[in-house]
C-alpha atoms as a PDB file:
ATOM      1  CA  UNK A   1       4.375 -22.752  39.812  1.00  0.00           C
ATOM      2  CA  UNK A   2       0.654 -22.389  40.529  1.00  0.00           C
ATOM      3  CA  UNK A   3      -1.845 -19.548  40.635  1.00  0.00           C
ATOM      4  CA  UNK A   4      -0.727 -17.972  43.921  1.00  0.00           C
ATOM      5  CA  UNK A   5       2.919 -17.710  42.864  1.00  0.00           C
ATOM      6  CA  UNK A   6       2.080 -16.343  39.409  1.00  0.00           C
ATOM      7  CA  UNK A   7      -0.279 -13.778  40.912  1.00  0.00           C
ATOM      8  CA  UNK A   8       2.378 -12.731  43.437  1.00  0.00           C
ATOM      9  CA  UNK A   9       4.946 -12.354  40.664  1.00  0.00           C
ATOM     10  CA  UNK A  10       2.545 -10.216  38.611  1.00  0.00           C
ATOM     11  CA  UNK A  11       2.006  -7.949  41.610  1.00  0.00           C
ATOM     12  CA  UNK A  12       5.762  -7.752  42.305  1.00  0.00           C
ATOM     13  CA  UNK A  13       6.588  -6.979  38.663  1.00  0.00           C
ATOM     14  CA  UNK A  14       3.903  -4.283  38.593  1.00  0.00           C
ATOM     15  CA  UNK A  15       5.377  -2.658  41.694  1.00  0.00           C
ATOM     16  CA  UNK A  16       8.944  -2.987  40.367  1.00  0.00           C
ATOM     17  CA  UNK A  17       7.888  -1.182  37.190  1.00  0.00           C
ATOM     18  CA  UNK A  18       6.593   1.719  39.292  1.00  0.00           C
ATOM     19  CA  UNK A  19       3.014   1.084  38.245  1.00  0.00           C
ATOM     20  CA  UNK A  20      -0.127   1.213  40.333  1.00  0.00           C
ATOM     21  CA  UNK A  21      -1.483  -1.911  41.971  1.00  0.00           C
ATOM     22  CA  UNK A  22      -4.120  -3.408  39.681  1.00  0.00           C
ATOM     23  CA  UNK A  23      -2.606  -1.891  36.524  1.00  0.00           C
ATOM     24  CA  UNK A  24      -2.026  -5.372  35.098  1.00  0.00           C
ATOM     25  CA  UNK A  25      -4.775  -7.938  34.650  1.00  0.00           C
ATOM     26  CA  UNK A  26      -3.781 -11.597  34.862  1.00  0.00           C
ATOM     27  CA  UNK A  27      -5.599 -13.735  32.297  1.00  0.00           C
ATOM     28  CA  UNK A  28      -5.520 -17.411  33.287  1.00  0.00           C
ATOM     29  CA  UNK A  29      -5.323 -19.289  29.987  1.00  0.00           C
ATOM     30  CA  UNK A  30      -7.452 -22.383  30.516  1.00  0.00           C
ATOM     31  CA  UNK A  31      -7.359 -23.884  27.008  1.00  0.00           C
ATOM     32  CA  UNK A  32      -7.012 -27.666  26.933  1.00  0.00           C
ATOM     33  CA  UNK A  33      -7.048 -27.808  30.723  1.00  0.00           C
ATOM     34  CA  UNK A  34      -9.159 -30.284  32.716  1.00  0.00           C
ATOM     35  CA  UNK A  35     -12.244 -28.759  34.274  1.00  0.00           C
ATOM     36  CA  UNK A  36     -11.074 -29.623  37.770  1.00  0.00           C
ATOM     37  CA  UNK A  37      -7.944 -27.473  37.350  1.00  0.00           C
ATOM     38  CA  UNK A  38     -10.027 -24.563  36.087  1.00  0.00           C
ATOM     39  CA  UNK A  39     -12.520 -24.967  38.923  1.00  0.00           C
ATOM     40  CA  UNK A  40      -9.677 -24.933  41.461  1.00  0.00           C
ATOM     41  CA  UNK A  41      -8.512 -21.514  40.210  1.00  0.00           C
ATOM     42  CA  UNK A  42     -12.086 -20.205  40.179  1.00  0.00           C
ATOM     43  CA  UNK A  43     -12.483 -21.371  43.771  1.00  0.00           C
ATOM     44  CA  UNK A  44      -9.413 -19.296  44.703  1.00  0.00           C
ATOM     45  CA  UNK A  45     -11.377 -16.229  43.578  1.00  0.00           C
ATOM     46  CA  UNK A  46      -9.818 -15.599  40.173  1.00  0.00           C
ATOM     47  CA  UNK A  47     -12.330 -14.575  37.510  1.00  0.00           C
ATOM     48  CA  UNK A  48     -10.436 -13.628  34.307  1.00  0.00           C
ATOM     49  CA  UNK A  49      -9.745 -16.463  31.880  1.00  0.00           C
ATOM     50  CA  UNK A  50      -8.607 -16.933  28.295  1.00  0.00           C
ATOM     51  CA  UNK A  51      -9.583 -19.552  25.732  1.00  0.00           C
ATOM     52  CA  UNK A  52      -8.241 -20.211  22.232  1.00  0.00           C
ATOM     53  CA  UNK A  53     -11.174 -21.978  20.607  1.00  0.00           C
ATOM     54  CA  UNK A  54     -14.815 -20.974  20.513  1.00  0.00           C
ATOM     55  CA  UNK A  55     -16.018 -24.585  20.429  1.00  0.00           C
ATOM     56  CA  UNK A  56     -14.011 -25.651  23.494  1.00  0.00           C
ATOM     57  CA  UNK A  57     -15.092 -22.555  25.417  1.00  0.00           C
ATOM     58  CA  UNK A  58     -18.759 -23.112  24.542  1.00  0.00           C
ATOM     59  CA  UNK A  59     -18.575 -26.597  26.048  1.00  0.00           C
ATOM     60  CA  UNK A  60     -16.769 -25.487  29.201  1.00  0.00           C
ATOM     61  CA  UNK A  61     -17.797 -22.005  30.257  1.00  0.00           C
ATOM     62  CA  UNK A  62     -21.621 -21.773  30.374  1.00  0.00           C
ATOM     63  CA  UNK A  63     -21.597 -24.170  33.335  1.00  0.00           C
ATOM     64  CA  UNK A  64     -18.747 -22.346  35.074  1.00  0.00           C
ATOM     65  CA  UNK A  65     -20.465 -18.984  34.532  1.00  0.00           C
ATOM     66  CA  UNK A  66     -23.634 -20.357  36.128  1.00  0.00           C
ATOM     67  CA  UNK A  67     -21.657 -21.515  39.170  1.00  0.00           C
ATOM     68  CA  UNK A  68     -19.240 -18.600  39.608  1.00  0.00           C
ATOM     69  CA  UNK A  69     -20.325 -14.974  39.345  1.00  0.00           C
ATOM     70  CA  UNK A  70     -18.266 -12.261  37.714  1.00  0.00           C
ATOM     71  CA  UNK A  71     -16.355 -14.393  35.205  1.00  0.00           C
ATOM     72  CA  UNK A  72     -14.679 -12.421  32.379  1.00  0.00           C
ATOM     73  CA  UNK A  73     -13.798 -14.551  29.371  1.00  0.00           C
ATOM     74  CA  UNK A  74     -11.237 -13.515  26.737  1.00  0.00           C
ATOM     75  CA  UNK A  75     -10.899 -15.089  23.292  1.00  0.00           C
ATOM     76  CA  UNK A  76      -7.157 -15.185  22.595  1.00  0.00           C
ATOM     77  CA  UNK A  77      -7.095 -17.549  19.608  1.00  0.00           C
ATOM     78  CA  UNK A  78      -7.925 -16.963  15.943  1.00  0.00           C
ATOM     79  CA  UNK A  79     -11.600 -16.331  15.218  1.00  0.00           C
ATOM     80  CA  UNK A  80     -13.161 -17.886  12.137  1.00  0.00           C
ATOM     81  CA  UNK A  81     -15.842 -15.842  10.396  1.00  0.00           C
ATOM     82  CA  UNK A  82     -18.465 -18.572  10.881  1.00  0.00           C
ATOM     83  CA  UNK A  83     -17.902 -18.518  14.659  1.00  0.00           C
ATOM     84  CA  UNK A  84     -18.334 -14.763  15.180  1.00  0.00           C
ATOM     85  CA  UNK A  85     -21.916 -14.842  16.466  1.00  0.00           C
ATOM     86  CA  UNK A  86     -21.139 -17.656  18.903  1.00  0.00           C
ATOM     87  CA  UNK A  87     -18.016 -15.845  20.093  1.00  0.00           C
ATOM     88  CA  UNK A  88     -19.874 -12.572  20.625  1.00  0.00           C
ATOM     89  CA  UNK A  89     -22.514 -14.331  22.700  1.00  0.00           C
ATOM     90  CA  UNK A  90     -19.961 -16.127  24.908  1.00  0.00           C
ATOM     91  CA  UNK A  91     -16.874 -13.925  25.267  1.00  0.00           C
ATOM     92  CA  UNK A  92     -16.562 -10.632  27.115  1.00  0.00           C
ATOM     93  CA  UNK A  93     -13.382  -9.683  25.236  1.00  0.00           C
ATOM     94  CA  UNK A  94     -12.156 -10.674  21.761  1.00  0.00           C
ATOM     95  CA  UNK A  95      -8.392 -10.098  21.552  1.00  0.00           C
ATOM     96  CA  UNK A  96      -7.842 -11.407  18.018  1.00  0.00           C
ATOM     97  CA  UNK A  97      -9.484  -8.942  15.632  1.00  0.00           C
ATOM     98  CA  UNK A  98      -7.038  -9.116  12.720  1.00  0.00           C
ATOM     99  CA  UNK A  99      -8.695  -8.543   9.341  1.00  0.00           C
ATOM    100  CA  UNK A 100     -11.354  -6.334   7.732  1.00  0.00           C
ATOM    101  CA  UNK A 101     -13.751  -9.213   7.029  1.00  0.00           C
ATOM    102  CA  UNK A 102     -13.813 -10.130  10.703  1.00  0.00           C
ATOM    103  CA  UNK A 103     -14.248  -6.518  11.820  1.00  0.00           C
ATOM    104  CA  UNK A 104     -17.185  -6.094   9.410  1.00  0.00           C
ATOM    105  CA  UNK A 105     -18.855  -9.236  10.766  1.00  0.00           C
ATOM    106  CA  UNK A 106     -18.437  -8.035  14.352  1.00  0.00           C
ATOM    107  CA  UNK A 107     -19.841  -4.591  13.496  1.00  0.00           C
ATOM    108  CA  UNK A 108     -22.861  -6.101  11.732  1.00  0.00           C
ATOM    109  CA  UNK A 109     -23.634  -8.547  14.531  1.00  0.00           C
ATOM    110  CA  UNK A 110     -23.140  -5.863  17.194  1.00  0.00           C
ATOM    111  CA  UNK A 111     -26.084  -4.057  15.606  1.00  0.00           C
ATOM    112  CA  UNK A 112     -28.167  -7.227  15.534  1.00  0.00           C
ATOM    113  CA  UNK A 113     -27.326  -8.387  19.054  1.00  0.00           C
ATOM    114  CA  UNK A 114     -27.364  -4.945  20.659  1.00  0.00           C
ATOM    115  CA  UNK A 115     -24.002  -5.468  22.332  1.00  0.00           C
ATOM    116  CA  UNK A 116     -20.361  -5.918  21.440  1.00  0.00           C
ATOM    117  CA  UNK A 117     -17.523  -7.556  23.361  1.00  0.00           C
ATOM    118  CA  UNK A 118     -14.531  -5.389  24.160  1.00  0.00           C
ATOM    119  CA  UNK A 119     -12.104  -5.592  21.261  1.00  0.00           C
ATOM    120  CA  UNK A 120      -8.327  -5.871  20.866  1.00  0.00           C
ATOM    121  CA  UNK A 121      -6.522  -5.883  17.525  1.00  0.00           C
ATOM    122  CA  UNK A 122      -3.941  -8.639  17.145  1.00  0.00           C
ATOM    123  CA  UNK A 123      -0.686  -7.451  15.568  1.00  0.00           C
ATOM    124  CA  UNK A 124       1.726  -9.951  14.002  1.00  0.00           C
ATOM    125  CA  UNK A 125       4.818  -8.118  15.222  1.00  0.00           C
ATOM    126  CA  UNK A 126       7.184 -10.771  13.880  1.00  0.00           C
ATOM    127  CA  UNK A 127       5.459 -10.765  10.468  1.00  0.00           C
ATOM    128  CA  UNK A 128       5.357 -14.565  10.625  1.00  0.00           C
ATOM    129  CA  UNK A 129       3.407 -16.003   7.670  1.00  0.00           C
ATOM    130  CA  UNK A 130       1.944 -18.863   9.705  1.00  0.00           C
ATOM    131  CA  UNK A 131       0.652 -16.598  12.478  1.00  0.00           C
ATOM    132  CA  UNK A 132      -2.562 -14.590  12.665  1.00  0.00           C
ATOM    133  CA  UNK A 133      -2.532 -10.826  13.158  1.00  0.00           C
ATOM    134  CA  UNK A 134      -2.490  -7.647  11.131  1.00  0.00           C
ATOM    135  CA  UNK A 135       1.006  -6.761   9.912  1.00  0.00           C
ATOM    136  CA  UNK A 136       2.636  -3.775  11.668  1.00  0.00           C
ATOM    137  CA  UNK A 137       2.723  -1.520   8.570  1.00  0.00           C
ATOM    138  CA  UNK A 138      -1.024  -2.048   8.159  1.00  0.00           C
ATOM    139  CA  UNK A 139      -1.993  -1.637  11.813  1.00  0.00           C
ATOM    140  CA  UNK A 140      -2.747   2.098  11.857  1.00  0.00           C
ATOM    141  CA  UNK A 141      -5.014   1.896   8.809  1.00  0.00           C
ATOM    142  CA  UNK A 142      -6.803  -1.175  10.161  1.00  0.00           C
ATOM    143  CA  UNK A 143      -7.446   0.466  13.539  1.00  0.00           C
ATOM    144  CA  UNK A 144      -8.890   3.485  11.728  1.00  0.00           C
ATOM    145  CA  UNK A 145     -11.046   1.174   9.600  1.00  0.00           C
ATOM    146  CA  UNK A 146     -12.420  -0.532  12.720  1.00  0.00           C
ATOM    147  CA  UNK A 147     -13.274   2.841  14.220  1.00  0.00           C
ATOM    148  CA  UNK A 148     -14.988   3.923  11.013  1.00  0.00           C
ATOM    149  CA  UNK A 149     -17.251   0.874  11.435  1.00  0.00           C
ATOM    150  CA  UNK A 150     -18.220   2.100  14.901  1.00  0.00           C
ATOM    151  CA  UNK A 151     -16.033  -0.396  16.736  1.00  0.00           C
ATOM    152  CA  UNK A 152     -14.076   0.679  19.807  1.00  0.00           C
ATOM    153  CA  UNK A 153     -10.546  -0.731  19.837  1.00  0.00           C
ATOM    154  CA  UNK A 154      -9.662  -1.024  23.504  1.00  0.00           C
ATOM    155  CA  UNK A 155      -6.291  -2.696  23.124  1.00  0.00           C
ATOM    156  CA  UNK A 156      -3.666  -4.440  21.038  1.00  0.00           C
ATOM    157  CA  UNK A 157      -2.357  -7.987  21.397  1.00  0.00           C
ATOM    158  CA  UNK A 158       0.791  -9.724  20.164  1.00  0.00           C
ATOM    159  CA  UNK A 159       2.573 -13.071  20.377  1.00  0.00           C
ATOM    160  CA  UNK A 160       6.313 -12.577  19.736  1.00  0.00           C
ATOM    161  CA  UNK A 161       8.120 -15.230  17.691  1.00  0.00           C
ATOM    162  CA  UNK A 162       9.234 -18.196  19.764  1.00  0.00           C
ATOM    163  CA  UNK A 163      12.870 -18.194  20.799  1.00  0.00           C
ATOM    164  CA  UNK A 164      13.447 -14.494  20.232  1.00  0.00           C
ATOM    165  CA  UNK A 165      13.895 -11.535  22.557  1.00  0.00           C
ATOM    166  CA  UNK A 166      10.320 -10.345  23.171  1.00  0.00           C
ATOM    167  CA  UNK A 167      11.282  -6.803  24.191  1.00  0.00           C
ATOM    168  CA  UNK A 168      11.413  -5.307  20.663  1.00  0.00           C
ATOM    169  CA  UNK A 169       7.988  -6.789  19.944  1.00  0.00           C
ATOM    170  CA  UNK A 170       6.522  -5.404  23.145  1.00  0.00           C
ATOM    171  CA  UNK A 171       8.030  -1.999  22.335  1.00  0.00           C
ATOM    172  CA  UNK A 172       6.601  -2.089  18.816  1.00  0.00           C
ATOM    173  CA  UNK A 173       3.119  -2.908  20.130  1.00  0.00           C
ATOM    174  CA  UNK A 174       3.372  -0.085  22.670  1.00  0.00           C
ATOM    175  CA  UNK A 175       4.407   2.385  19.970  1.00  0.00           C
ATOM    176  CA  UNK A 176       1.460   1.430  17.745  1.00  0.00           C
ATOM    177  CA  UNK A 177      -0.883   1.794  20.726  1.00  0.00           C
ATOM    178  CA  UNK A 178       0.520   5.180  21.716  1.00  0.00           C
ATOM    179  CA  UNK A 179       0.153   6.769  18.304  1.00  0.00           C
ATOM    180  CA  UNK A 180      -3.412   5.486  18.019  1.00  0.00           C
ATOM    181  CA  UNK A 181      -4.518   6.525  21.501  1.00  0.00           C
ATOM    182  CA  UNK A 182      -5.011   2.944  22.706  1.00  0.00           C
ATOM    183  CA  UNK A 183      -4.372   2.010  26.340  1.00  0.00           C
ATOM    184  CA  UNK A 184      -4.718  -1.769  26.421  1.00  0.00           C
ATOM    185  CA  UNK A 185      -1.657  -3.932  25.770  1.00  0.00           C
ATOM    186  CA  UNK A 186      -2.100  -7.705  25.945  1.00  0.00           C
ATOM    187  CA  UNK A 187       1.407  -9.120  25.822  1.00  0.00           C
ATOM    188  CA  UNK A 188       3.426 -11.574  27.827  1.00  0.00           C
ATOM    189  CA  UNK A 189       2.869 -15.248  28.558  1.00  0.00           C
ATOM    190  CA  UNK A 190       4.207 -17.822  31.020  1.00  0.00           C
ATOM    191  CA  UNK A 191       7.852 -17.359  30.014  1.00  0.00           C
ATOM    192  CA  UNK A 192       8.021 -13.582  29.681  1.00  0.00           C
ATOM    193  CA  UNK A 193       5.150 -11.915  31.520  1.00  0.00           C
ATOM    194  CA  UNK A 194       7.461  -9.993  33.858  1.00  0.00           C
ATOM    195  CA  UNK A 195       9.332  -8.543  30.869  1.00  0.00           C
ATOM    196  CA  UNK A 196       5.957  -7.609  29.365  1.00  0.00           C
ATOM    197  CA  UNK A 197       4.859  -5.849  32.545  1.00  0.00           C
ATOM    198  CA  UNK A 198       8.098  -3.844  32.575  1.00  0.00           C
ATOM    199  CA  UNK A 199       7.287  -2.921  28.952  1.00  0.00           C
ATOM    200  CA  UNK A 200       3.819  -1.620  29.814  1.00  0.00           C
ATOM    201  CA  UNK A 201       1.501  -4.628  29.481  1.00  0.00           C
ATOM    202  CA  UNK A 202      -1.981  -4.128  30.877  1.00  0.00           C
ATOM    203  CA  UNK A 203      -2.928  -7.788  30.356  1.00  0.00           C
ATOM    204  CA  UNK A 204      -0.709 -10.879  30.599  1.00  0.00           C
ATOM    205  CA  UNK A 205      -1.836 -14.301  29.395  1.00  0.00           C
ATOM    206  CA  UNK A 206      -0.505 -17.109  31.583  1.00  0.00           C
ATOM    207  CA  UNK A 207      -1.525 -20.734  31.203  1.00  0.00           C
ATOM    208  CA  UNK A 208       0.907 -23.554  31.957  1.00  0.00           C
ATOM    209  CA  UNK A 209       2.593 -21.675  34.819  1.00  0.00           C
ATOM    210  CA  UNK A 210      -0.802 -21.551  36.546  1.00  0.00           C
ATOM    211  CA  UNK A 211      -2.409 -24.839  35.573  1.00  0.00           C
ATOM    212  CA  UNK A 212       0.527 -27.110  34.701  1.00  0.00           C
ATOM    213  CA  UNK A 213       1.372 -28.643  31.349  1.00  0.00           C
ATOM    214  CA  UNK A 214      -1.464 -29.198  28.905  1.00  0.00           C
ATOM    215  CA  UNK A 215      -2.459 -32.677  27.814  1.00  0.00           C
ATOM    216  CA  UNK A 216      -3.142 -32.582  24.080  1.00  0.00           C
ATOM    217  CA  UNK A 217      -3.699 -36.321  23.943  1.00  0.00           C
END
């Protein structure tokens, strides 16, 4: 599909949903993508990217950030407690805050470092045991706990179960956000980002549709 087509479809879906231009931010998910593909999208002027692993991002993005100004990097994969400092020094947004231990580590290091990335809470809307994310019944209390630590929760993020209708999951995330006064909604990927935009997404995470299939070999 490519970057231009995906970007055009995001803009069209935003307009079709009766939302203002620029209401939805396209996150180009560059995990496990060759540097030349990432550079090609950067050269087209795009600046918002997502990575799943701190280690991979730390090897890839310092050089890109030195070459291209205005890059905004989102962590969209699970964050291990021993990688929190490294993540906070590299990423502009952490979308996968999902447990009290992690929130406490971020709050402590924010005091030490004097800054904090923007934060999203990941909600496991499908309550899948193998998937990261706070469970929906615990989300309100966890958001309140984060705020009590002095953390600002800017948004919520979810990954609906594969092979299911994503709409109920997007609606659930929106409902949790609304009752907690949260505006950011990171939901929707290559196969369903237009549905997510119609459901109120403010951020969509698109990888293979932009860059092509990943090579995990």
